[in-house]
Each structure stands twice: as structure tokens, then as C-alpha cells.
């Protein structure tokens, strides 16, 4: 039995604790919440009323506000915190994580799975890059990192609705302590460990593509919400999703991602969900902007983090470094942080020079 430690007691971390407790392989599940008082309350009521009300957390999930307790003897650590807090949480966790062993991850060493969809706002780094930096003293850092992404609303995952996601990693993992010299892809190892009747995982090794897609779709979803808030019709939403995918692909491929990743679950699948689903935080934030609400007012009205708010600027910086044009992202950034009106932004996108598709 493997112990899985989940860092982050928001809606996504809570949902993952529930779905992984129902996986085909038996696991010990531990969920860490930053606020000890919240952890105590959730452990008592078995419900995260702040972030995922109405969803019972299975009794086998251990809930704690003590990081060392959560991480003790963990074979798999899942990061489900907001991207802006990831470095601080991983740094705090570092002393309690088992060491790397040799050039491969062995059954005695902990692997890390990032389930955060965003870029670090201050550095523009992907979450796997943040983890690698934090764990740089534990060489070789890259051999124990995987990323999890795809179309997955937390509420639906928690209640057991059928969900398909992607897990990506480049490394290999030992099959067992006894299986010296026998390795399998780390993505396959996580796939087998996490799979359940309602939770299907596809594996690949395009870490960059999966992470970029997960970050970029949030920004496009804000634009989709703006269109909704402005009262625009289905034509506008369909065009936005299509051109948004082209924009995502343009940057991701320039950075080295594979086309099939952008057309798969982590790209197109998550983009469609986040741009059209009523549970999308980023879309709902965009709807508010389209209706004329100010960003600080929208942010103050919810505890949920809309990752696209902090990601738009990071994406534009990345695109500038590679001379890639991101017109939708640029307009979202202008609305969010430079006072541009949603209607003016929409007009500017529509009046761009005509081009071949």
C-alpha cells in the first residue's frame, strides 16, 4: 500500500483525496490543509464546507494541518495548491520528503505529481520547473516529477462523475524494491496508481505541452466569460474557443510541445470544459468582467482562485521571448490589469488585419 500525500485543501485537493481513495489500488490518503483550524473542522465533519460543500470526504482520508504528519512515509506527493503559493509550499515540504536514489526513482523514494494548472507569476515558470528548482539539492530532481491535467471540475470528480485526464512525465520508476534493474515510465506508474472506475488517466511524456495547455486555457476561458457577460452569442464563443486553441498551440509548439497534446484532453478537452462549463472559475470571473464588475470586487466575492488572472502576464512574457503573438491573451491582460473595457477589447480583436487560417 502506497501513502499518497495531497498538499492543498481547496476544492481540487479535496476532490483528489476523495477520488484517489476510491482508486483500484488500495492507498493511504493524507490531505494537508494550510489552516489547522480548517483541517480540524473538516476532519470532524468530513466535509469541506468552504471549498467543496455537499461532498462527503471518505473516512479513510486522513486530514491534517501538520505538513510533516501528512508527508511522513509518503510514496507519492500531489501538489494541488494555487500556482502563486506552490514554491512556498514545496519549500516548506522539502525537509520532510524522502531523498532521490540514483539515476532513477526507486520504490524507496517519493515522487511528486503537480496538479496545479498555472505558471508562477513572478518567474513565468511551469510548476514542474518550480519543483525542480526547490528540489535542486536532491539530484536528479527531474526523475521524480509528473504533472496531472485535463478536463476535471473538482465537484464532478469528487462525486464520482466519469472523468478522463492526462498524466505526463519523462522519468522511469522502479517496479518494486525487489525488482532491481526493472523500470517502467513514471507516467504509467501514476496512471496505474490513480486509476479508478470513474477516473481514467492517459499517459504521455510531453510534460511541457500538458503544463502549458493547462495554464493557457484558463486565460482563454476568461475571454469566453467576457463574451458571455457582454451578451454575445454562440458564434462568438465558438470562434473564441477555436482561435484560442490556435493561440495556445502557437506558443506551446514554439516552446517544444507536441501538436497531439494540444488537440487532446490537456488542450482541447480542458479548453472546451473551462470555456463552457458553469463550474469554471475563470469563465465566471470573465462573465463578471463582461457585465461591468471590477476585478477587485469579483476576487473579493470568492475564496476560489482563478488561475488565469495571474497567468496572462506570464504567458505574454513567455510569448515575447519567443516572438509569438497572443492577441486574445493580450486583450485579457489589458482588461484584467490595464483598465481596458471588455467591449473595446472585443472590437480590437475583431478588427485585427484579415489573415489566412
Protein backbone atom coordinates (compact mmCIF):
# COMPACT_ATOMS: atom_id res chain seq x y z
CA UNK A 1 0.00 0.00 0.00
CA UNK A 2 1.34 3.42 -1.03
CA UNK A 3 0.76 6.54 1.01
CA UNK A 4 -0.41 9.50 -1.11
CA UNK A 5 0.02 12.94 0.46
CA UNK A 6 -2.07 15.74 -1.08
CA UNK A 7 -0.89 19.29 -0.45
CA UNK A 8 -3.72 21.80 -0.71
CA UNK A 9 -7.12 21.74 0.94
CA UNK A 10 -9.07 23.71 -1.67
CA UNK A 11 -11.71 22.21 -3.93
CA UNK A 12 -9.24 20.38 -6.20
CA UNK A 13 -7.12 18.90 -3.44
CA UNK A 14 -10.24 17.80 -1.58
CA UNK A 15 -11.70 16.23 -4.72
CA UNK A 16 -8.46 14.37 -5.41
CA UNK A 17 -8.42 12.99 -1.89
CA UNK A 18 -11.88 11.54 -2.48
CA UNK A 19 -11.30 10.10 -5.95
CA UNK A 20 -7.90 8.61 -5.06
CA UNK A 21 -9.40 6.95 -2.01
CA UNK A 22 -11.61 5.06 -4.49
CA UNK A 23 -8.81 4.00 -6.84
CA UNK A 24 -8.44 0.36 -7.85
CA UNK A 25 -5.20 0.03 -5.91
CA UNK A 26 -5.51 0.50 -2.14
CA UNK A 27 -3.77 3.60 -0.79
CA UNK A 28 -3.37 5.50 2.43
CA UNK A 29 -4.55 9.07 1.65
CA UNK A 30 -3.46 12.11 3.64
CA UNK A 31 -4.77 15.63 2.90
CA UNK A 32 -2.90 18.69 4.19
CA UNK A 33 -4.70 21.98 4.76
CA UNK A 34 -2.72 25.13 5.43
CA UNK A 35 -5.15 26.34 8.12
CA UNK A 36 -5.04 23.95 11.13
CA UNK A 37 -8.46 25.14 12.33
CA UNK A 38 -9.99 24.35 8.94
CA UNK A 39 -8.28 20.96 8.91
CA UNK A 40 -9.72 20.15 12.33
CA UNK A 41 -13.22 21.21 11.28
CA UNK A 42 -13.13 19.23 8.04
CA UNK A 43 -11.75 16.16 9.81
CA UNK A 44 -14.65 16.37 12.25
CA UNK A 45 -17.48 17.00 9.77
CA UNK A 46 -15.96 15.09 6.79
CA UNK A 47 -17.00 17.96 4.54
CA UNK A 48 -15.01 20.92 3.17
CA UNK A 49 -17.79 23.48 3.53
CA UNK A 50 -15.58 26.38 2.38
CA UNK A 51 -14.43 24.92 -0.93
CA UNK A 52 -16.46 21.82 -1.76
CA UNK A 53 -19.75 21.89 0.16
CA UNK A 54 -22.10 18.95 -0.15
CA UNK A 55 -19.38 16.37 -0.90
CA UNK A 56 -18.60 13.88 1.84
CA UNK A 57 -14.93 13.04 2.28
CA UNK A 58 -14.43 9.26 2.69
CA UNK A 59 -13.49 8.15 6.22
CA UNK A 60 -10.20 6.62 5.02
CA UNK A 61 -8.84 10.10 4.07
CA UNK A 62 -6.66 11.45 6.86
CA UNK A 63 -6.95 15.25 7.18
CA UNK A 64 -4.29 17.28 8.94
CA UNK A 65 -2.93 20.79 9.31
CA UNK A 66 0.55 19.44 10.09
CA UNK A 67 2.73 19.18 7.00
CA UNK A 68 5.26 16.77 8.49
CA UNK A 69 2.47 14.42 9.54
CA UNK A 70 0.94 14.49 6.07
CA UNK A 71 4.25 13.79 4.33
CA UNK A 72 5.57 11.12 6.69
CA UNK A 73 6.34 7.95 4.72
CA UNK A 74 4.55 9.25 1.59
CA UNK A 75 5.41 7.47 -1.64
CA UNK A 76 3.52 9.96 -3.83
CA UNK A 77 3.04 13.67 -3.14
CA UNK A 78 0.35 15.53 -5.09
CA UNK A 79 0.58 19.33 -5.25
CA UNK A 80 -2.88 20.90 -5.56
CA UNK A 81 -2.15 24.41 -4.33
CA UNK A 82 -2.53 27.67 -6.34
CA UNK A 83 0.48 28.39 -8.56
CA UNK A 84 1.34 31.58 -6.67
CA UNK A 85 1.83 29.58 -3.46
CA UNK A 86 3.47 26.48 -4.92
CA UNK A 87 7.11 27.44 -4.33
CA UNK A 88 6.47 28.31 -0.69
CA UNK A 89 4.60 25.07 -0.02
CA UNK A 90 7.18 22.86 -1.74
CA UNK A 91 9.98 24.69 0.10
CA UNK A 92 8.21 24.07 3.39
CA UNK A 93 7.75 20.41 2.43
CA UNK A 94 11.33 19.81 1.30
CA UNK A 95 12.80 18.70 4.67
CA UNK A 96 10.11 16.04 5.05
CA UNK A 97 10.40 14.45 1.58
CA UNK A 98 12.45 11.28 1.10
CA UNK A 99 15.63 11.59 -0.93
CA UNK A 100 16.20 10.70 -4.54
CA UNK A 101 18.06 7.47 -5.09
CA UNK A 102 20.43 7.03 -8.03
CA UNK A 103 19.56 8.00 -11.59
CA UNK A 104 16.03 6.64 -11.34
CA UNK A 105 13.28 6.98 -8.79
CA UNK A 106 13.19 3.82 -6.69
CA UNK A 107 10.35 2.38 -4.68
CA UNK A 108 12.02 3.87 -1.59
CA UNK A 109 11.91 7.44 -2.91
CA UNK A 110 8.98 9.80 -3.12
CA UNK A 111 7.62 11.03 -6.46
CA UNK A 112 5.88 14.37 -6.91
CA UNK A 113 2.79 14.97 -9.04
CA UNK A 114 1.82 18.57 -9.81
CA UNK A 115 -1.93 19.02 -10.25
CA UNK A 116 -1.72 22.82 -10.41
CA UNK A 117 -2.78 24.49 -13.68
CA UNK A 118 -0.83 27.70 -13.93
CA UNK A 119 2.54 29.43 -14.19
CA UNK A 120 4.42 31.02 -11.33
CA UNK A 121 3.51 34.73 -11.75
CA UNK A 122 6.88 36.15 -10.71
CA UNK A 123 9.14 33.85 -12.75
CA UNK A 124 6.83 32.55 -15.54
CA UNK A 125 7.99 29.03 -14.69
CA UNK A 126 5.87 25.92 -15.07
CA UNK A 127 5.13 24.01 -11.88
CA UNK A 128 7.49 21.14 -12.75
CA UNK A 129 10.25 23.73 -13.15
CA UNK A 130 9.40 25.25 -9.77
CA UNK A 131 9.56 21.81 -8.14
CA UNK A 132 12.89 21.06 -9.85
CA UNK A 133 14.33 24.32 -8.52
CA UNK A 134 13.12 23.72 -4.98
CA UNK A 135 14.48 20.18 -5.00
CA UNK A 136 17.69 21.06 -6.86
CA UNK A 137 19.78 19.96 -3.89
CA UNK A 138 18.26 16.49 -4.21
CA UNK A 139 19.73 15.40 -7.55
CA UNK A 140 18.48 14.42 -10.02
CA UNK A 141 15.27 16.39 -9.47
CA UNK A 142 13.69 15.74 -12.86
CA UNK A 143 13.49 11.99 -12.30
CA UNK A 144 10.65 12.15 -9.81
CA UNK A 145 8.25 14.76 -11.23
CA UNK A 146 4.96 14.15 -13.05
CA UNK A 147 2.10 16.51 -13.96
CA UNK A 148 -1.64 15.86 -13.94
CA UNK A 149 -4.06 17.89 -16.05
CA UNK A 150 -7.17 17.68 -18.22
CA UNK A 151 -10.90 18.49 -18.12
CA UNK A 152 -11.76 17.95 -14.47
CA UNK A 153 -14.15 20.10 -12.45
CA UNK A 154 -13.49 19.32 -8.79
CA UNK A 155 -17.15 18.89 -7.86
CA UNK A 156 -17.74 16.31 -10.59
CA UNK A 157 -14.55 14.42 -9.74
CA UNK A 158 -15.46 14.33 -6.05
CA UNK A 159 -18.95 12.98 -6.62
CA UNK A 160 -17.67 10.25 -8.94
CA UNK A 161 -18.74 11.51 -12.36
CA UNK A 162 -16.73 9.88 -15.20
CA UNK A 163 -13.56 11.93 -15.76
CA UNK A 164 -10.57 11.47 -18.09
CA UNK A 165 -7.28 13.27 -17.52
CA UNK A 166 -3.63 13.12 -18.59
CA UNK A 167 -0.52 12.33 -16.53
CA UNK A 168 2.82 13.26 -18.10
CA UNK A 169 6.38 12.51 -17.01
CA UNK A 170 9.75 11.89 -18.59
CA UNK A 171 11.29 9.64 -15.95
CA UNK A 172 11.26 5.95 -15.14
CA UNK A 173 10.32 4.39 -11.80
CA UNK A 174 11.40 1.11 -10.24
CA UNK A 175 8.71 -1.56 -10.34
CA UNK A 176 9.44 -2.64 -6.76
CA UNK A 177 12.19 -2.75 -4.18
CA UNK A 178 12.83 -6.33 -5.20
CA UNK A 179 12.75 -5.63 -8.94
CA UNK A 180 16.27 -4.29 -9.22
CA UNK A 181 17.01 -3.07 -12.73
CA UNK A 182 13.35 -3.26 -13.82
CA UNK A 183 11.75 0.08 -14.59
CA UNK A 184 8.58 1.48 -16.13
CA UNK A 185 7.66 5.04 -17.18
CA UNK A 186 6.75 7.20 -14.21
CA UNK A 187 3.60 8.31 -16.06
CA UNK A 188 2.49 4.67 -16.33
CA UNK A 189 3.20 4.16 -12.62
CA UNK A 190 0.99 7.13 -11.66
CA UNK A 191 -1.64 6.05 -14.18
CA UNK A 192 -1.93 2.65 -12.53
CA UNK A 193 -1.82 4.09 -9.01
CA UNK A 194 -4.56 6.69 -9.56
CA UNK A 195 -6.97 4.86 -11.89
CA UNK A 196 -10.47 4.11 -10.66
CA UNK A 197 -13.91 3.25 -12.00
CA UNK A 198 -14.75 6.93 -12.57
CA UNK A 199 -11.22 8.30 -13.01
CA UNK A 200 -9.43 7.38 -16.24
CA UNK A 201 -5.86 8.52 -16.94
CA UNK A 202 -3.93 8.66 -20.20
CA UNK A 203 -0.15 8.79 -20.01
CA UNK A 204 2.44 10.59 -22.13
CA UNK A 205 5.85 12.23 -21.78
CA UNK A 206 5.04 15.74 -23.06
CA UNK A 207 5.33 17.50 -19.70
CA UNK A 208 5.81 20.91 -21.28
CA UNK A 209 2.75 20.62 -23.51
CA UNK A 210 0.47 19.38 -20.74
CA UNK A 211 1.52 22.15 -18.36
CA UNK A 212 1.31 24.95 -20.90
CA UNK A 213 -2.11 23.83 -22.09
CA UNK A 214 -3.40 23.74 -18.52
CA UNK A 215 -2.17 27.28 -17.91
CA UNK A 216 -3.23 28.84 -21.21
CA UNK A 217 -6.79 27.52 -21.29
CA UNK A 218 -7.60 29.49 -18.13
CA UNK A 219 -6.87 32.78 -19.88
CA UNK A 220 -8.98 31.85 -22.91
CA UNK A 221 -11.79 30.88 -20.52
CA UNK A 222 -11.77 34.37 -19.03
CA UNK A 223 -12.23 35.72 -22.57
CA UNK A 224 -15.10 33.27 -23.12
CA UNK A 225 -16.73 34.50 -19.94
CA UNK A 226 -16.33 38.10 -21.06
CA UNK A 227 -18.19 37.25 -24.27
CA UNK A 228 -20.94 35.66 -22.22
CA UNK A 229 -21.12 38.65 -19.91
CA UNK A 230 -21.37 41.00 -22.86
CA UNK A 231 -24.38 39.04 -24.10
CA UNK A 232 -22.68 37.77 -27.25
CA UNK A 233 -24.00 34.62 -28.87
CA UNK A 234 -22.76 31.13 -29.58
CA UNK A 235 -20.97 32.24 -32.75
CA UNK A 236 -18.60 34.36 -30.69
CA UNK A 237 -17.91 31.59 -28.17
CA UNK A 238 -17.21 29.03 -30.91
CA UNK A 239 -14.84 31.41 -32.68
CA UNK A 240 -13.09 32.25 -29.42
CA UNK A 241 -12.51 28.60 -28.49
CA UNK A 242 -11.21 27.80 -31.97
CA UNK A 243 -8.88 30.76 -32.21
CA UNK A 244 -7.92 30.32 -28.58
CA UNK A 245 -6.74 26.79 -29.34
CA UNK A 246 -4.73 28.14 -32.28
CA UNK A 247 -3.13 30.68 -29.95
CA UNK A 248 -2.34 28.04 -27.34
CA UNK A 249 -0.84 25.75 -29.98
CA UNK A 250 1.27 28.52 -31.48
CA UNK A 251 3.08 29.21 -28.21
CA UNK A 252 3.26 25.62 -27.00
CA UNK A 253 4.72 24.29 -30.26
CA UNK A 254 7.25 27.11 -30.37
CA UNK A 255 8.44 26.03 -26.92
CA UNK A 256 8.70 22.37 -27.92
CA UNK A 257 5.31 20.80 -27.16
CA UNK A 258 3.73 18.19 -29.41
CA UNK A 259 0.64 19.01 -31.54
CA UNK A 260 -1.28 15.97 -30.32
CA UNK A 261 -1.04 17.22 -26.74
CA UNK A 262 -2.85 20.42 -27.67
CA UNK A 263 -5.57 18.52 -29.53
CA UNK A 264 -6.01 16.06 -26.66
CA UNK A 265 -7.51 16.12 -23.18
CA UNK A 266 -5.00 18.55 -21.68
CA UNK A 267 -5.50 21.01 -24.53
CA UNK A 268 -8.78 20.98 -26.43
CA UNK A 269 -10.61 18.91 -23.82
CA UNK A 270 -9.82 21.22 -20.92
CA UNK A 271 -10.30 24.32 -23.08
CA UNK A 272 -13.85 23.34 -24.07
CA UNK A 273 -14.76 22.47 -20.48
CA UNK A 274 -13.36 25.67 -18.99
CA UNK A 275 -14.85 27.93 -21.66
CA UNK A 276 -18.36 26.48 -21.50
CA UNK A 277 -18.89 24.86 -18.09
CA UNK A 278 -20.90 26.63 -15.39
CA UNK A 279 -18.41 25.46 -12.72
CA UNK A 280 -15.45 27.22 -14.39
CA UNK A 281 -13.91 29.82 -12.07
CA UNK A 282 -12.14 31.62 -14.89
CA UNK A 283 -15.23 31.73 -17.10
CA UNK A 284 -17.35 33.03 -14.22
CA UNK A 285 -14.79 35.72 -13.49
CA UNK A 286 -14.92 36.75 -17.15
CA UNK A 287 -18.72 36.88 -17.04
CA UNK A 288 -18.47 39.33 -14.18
CA UNK A 289 -16.00 41.48 -16.08
CA UNK A 290 -18.24 41.43 -19.15
CA UNK A 291 -21.14 42.66 -17.03
CA UNK A 292 -19.09 45.61 -15.82
CA UNK A 293 -17.94 44.41 -12.41
CA UNK A 294 -14.47 45.45 -11.27
CA UNK A 295 -11.82 42.77 -10.84
CA UNK A 296 -11.14 43.53 -7.13
CA UNK A 297 -14.87 43.21 -6.43
CA UNK A 298 -15.06 39.84 -8.18
CA UNK A 299 -11.98 38.49 -6.41
CA UNK A 300 -13.24 39.67 -3.02
CA UNK A 301 -16.52 37.81 -3.50
CA UNK A 302 -14.98 34.33 -3.65
CA UNK A 303 -12.38 32.18 -1.93
CA UNK A 304 -11.69 30.33 -5.17
CA UNK A 305 -8.54 31.14 -7.18
CA UNK A 306 -8.98 31.90 -10.88
CA UNK A 307 -5.51 30.99 -12.18
CA UNK A 308 -5.94 32.94 -15.41
CA UNK A 309 -5.70 36.25 -13.54
CA UNK A 310 -2.06 35.72 -12.66
CA UNK A 311 -1.17 33.69 -15.75
CA UNK A 312 -1.99 36.13 -18.57
CA UNK A 313 1.02 38.36 -17.93
CA UNK A 314 3.35 35.39 -17.55
CA UNK A 315 2.18 33.96 -20.88
CA UNK A 316 2.69 37.28 -22.66
CA UNK A 317 6.22 37.49 -21.25
CA UNK A 318 6.96 33.96 -22.48
CA UNK A 319 5.48 34.77 -25.88
CA UNK A 320 7.55 37.95 -26.14
CA UNK A 321 10.73 36.00 -25.51
CA UNK A 322 9.90 33.77 -28.48
CA UNK A 323 8.32 36.43 -30.73
CA UNK A 324 4.90 34.75 -30.62
CA UNK A 325 1.69 36.75 -30.98
CA UNK A 326 -1.12 36.06 -28.49
CA UNK A 327 -3.92 38.50 -29.38
CA UNK A 328 -6.63 37.03 -27.13
CA UNK A 329 -4.29 36.75 -24.15
CA UNK A 330 -3.12 40.32 -24.71
CA UNK A 331 -6.71 41.61 -24.59
CA UNK A 332 -7.48 39.61 -21.44
CA UNK A 333 -4.38 41.05 -19.78
CA UNK A 334 -5.47 44.56 -20.81
CA UNK A 335 -8.93 44.03 -19.30
CA UNK A 336 -7.60 42.49 -16.09
CA UNK A 337 -4.71 44.78 -15.31
CA UNK A 338 -4.81 47.87 -17.51
CA UNK A 339 -8.38 49.11 -17.28
CA UNK A 340 -9.47 48.30 -20.82
CA UNK A 341 -13.21 47.85 -21.30
CA UNK A 342 -14.39 44.38 -22.40
CA UNK A 343 -16.27 45.83 -25.37
CA UNK A 344 -13.24 47.74 -26.56
CA UNK A 345 -11.13 44.59 -26.28
CA UNK A 346 -13.67 42.61 -28.31
CA UNK A 347 -13.70 45.25 -31.04
CA UNK A 348 -9.90 45.30 -31.19
CA UNK A 349 -9.79 41.52 -31.68
CA UNK A 350 -12.41 41.61 -34.44
CA UNK A 351 -10.70 44.48 -36.28
CA UNK A 352 -7.30 42.84 -36.47
CA UNK A 353 -5.94 42.50 -40.04
CA UNK A 354 -7.57 39.73 -42.07
CA UNK A 355 -5.48 36.53 -42.34
CA UNK A 356 -5.48 33.02 -43.76
CA UNK A 357 -6.46 30.37 -41.26
